[in-house]
Amino acid sequence: MASKLRLITTHDLCLYKHVKLRAAQKEMVRIKDFHDKLKHQQVTNLDAADYYGIPLSLFESSLDH
């Protein structure tokens, strides 16, 4: 099944990276910088997977419990 495009939150990054909220917030800023996004713009699961250099399906499966 193909993964759907969705918005990523800092909580999602906490789960993916196994870090606390503040570390996930810093990671979110790095992802936005990587994609030249402004502070107010949202990050998608595709943006995050691209940043980590992994397939979208692998990123999504790491968030599923």
Protein backbone atom coordinates (compact mmCIF):
# COMPACT_ATOMS: atom_id res chain seq x y z
CA MET A 1 0.00 0.00 0.00
CA ALA A 2 1.35 3.43 -0.95
CA SER A 3 2.00 5.93 1.82
CA LYS A 4 -0.10 9.07 1.86
CA LEU A 5 1.34 12.55 2.10
CA ARG A 6 0.72 14.02 5.56
CA LEU A 7 2.05 16.68 7.89
CA ILE A 8 4.72 15.75 10.39
CA THR A 9 4.75 17.09 13.94
CA THR A 10 7.55 17.33 16.45
CA HIS A 11 5.84 14.47 18.28
CA ASP A 12 6.29 12.31 15.17
CA LEU A 13 9.98 13.16 15.17
CA CYS A 14 10.18 12.26 18.87
CA LEU A 15 8.88 8.81 18.00
CA TYR A 16 11.10 8.40 14.95
CA LYS A 17 14.34 9.61 16.55
CA HIS A 18 13.59 8.39 20.09
CA VAL A 19 14.44 11.82 21.50
CA LYS A 20 12.82 14.37 23.76
CA LEU A 21 10.64 17.22 22.51
CA ARG A 22 13.36 19.89 22.42
CA ALA A 23 15.68 17.72 20.33
CA ALA A 24 12.79 17.01 17.94
CA GLN A 25 12.09 20.75 17.65
CA LYS A 26 15.70 21.37 16.65
CA GLU A 27 15.48 18.54 14.13
CA MET A 28 12.32 20.11 12.67
CA VAL A 29 14.24 23.36 12.13
CA ARG A 30 17.04 21.44 10.37
CA ILE A 31 14.52 19.74 8.07
CA LYS A 32 12.95 23.10 7.21
CA ASP A 33 16.40 24.57 6.51
CA PHE A 34 17.27 21.58 4.33
CA HIS A 35 14.16 22.20 2.20
CA ASP A 36 14.42 26.03 2.27
CA LYS A 37 11.10 26.33 4.07
CA LEU A 38 10.13 29.36 6.07
CA LYS A 39 9.55 29.15 9.81
CA HIS A 40 5.75 29.08 9.44
CA GLN A 41 5.67 26.39 6.74
CA GLN A 42 4.73 22.80 7.52
CA VAL A 43 6.88 19.70 7.04
CA THR A 44 5.44 16.65 5.29
CA ASN A 45 6.38 13.03 5.69
CA LEU A 46 7.97 13.20 2.23
CA ASP A 47 10.17 16.12 3.37
CA ALA A 48 11.32 14.17 6.41
CA ALA A 49 12.00 10.97 4.46
CA ASP A 50 13.99 12.97 1.90
CA TYR A 51 15.98 14.66 4.68
CA TYR A 52 16.88 11.30 6.24
CA GLY A 53 17.57 9.74 2.83
CA ILE A 54 15.14 6.87 3.28
CA PRO A 55 12.07 5.70 1.36
CA LEU A 56 8.77 7.24 2.44
CA SER A 57 7.33 3.82 3.30
CA LEU A 58 10.22 3.11 5.68
CA PHE A 59 9.76 6.44 7.44
CA GLU A 60 6.01 5.85 7.81
CA SER A 61 6.46 2.30 9.06
CA SER A 62 8.76 3.56 11.82
CA LEU A 63 5.93 5.77 13.11
CA ASP A 64 3.32 3.01 13.14
CA HIS A 65 2.90 1.08 16.35
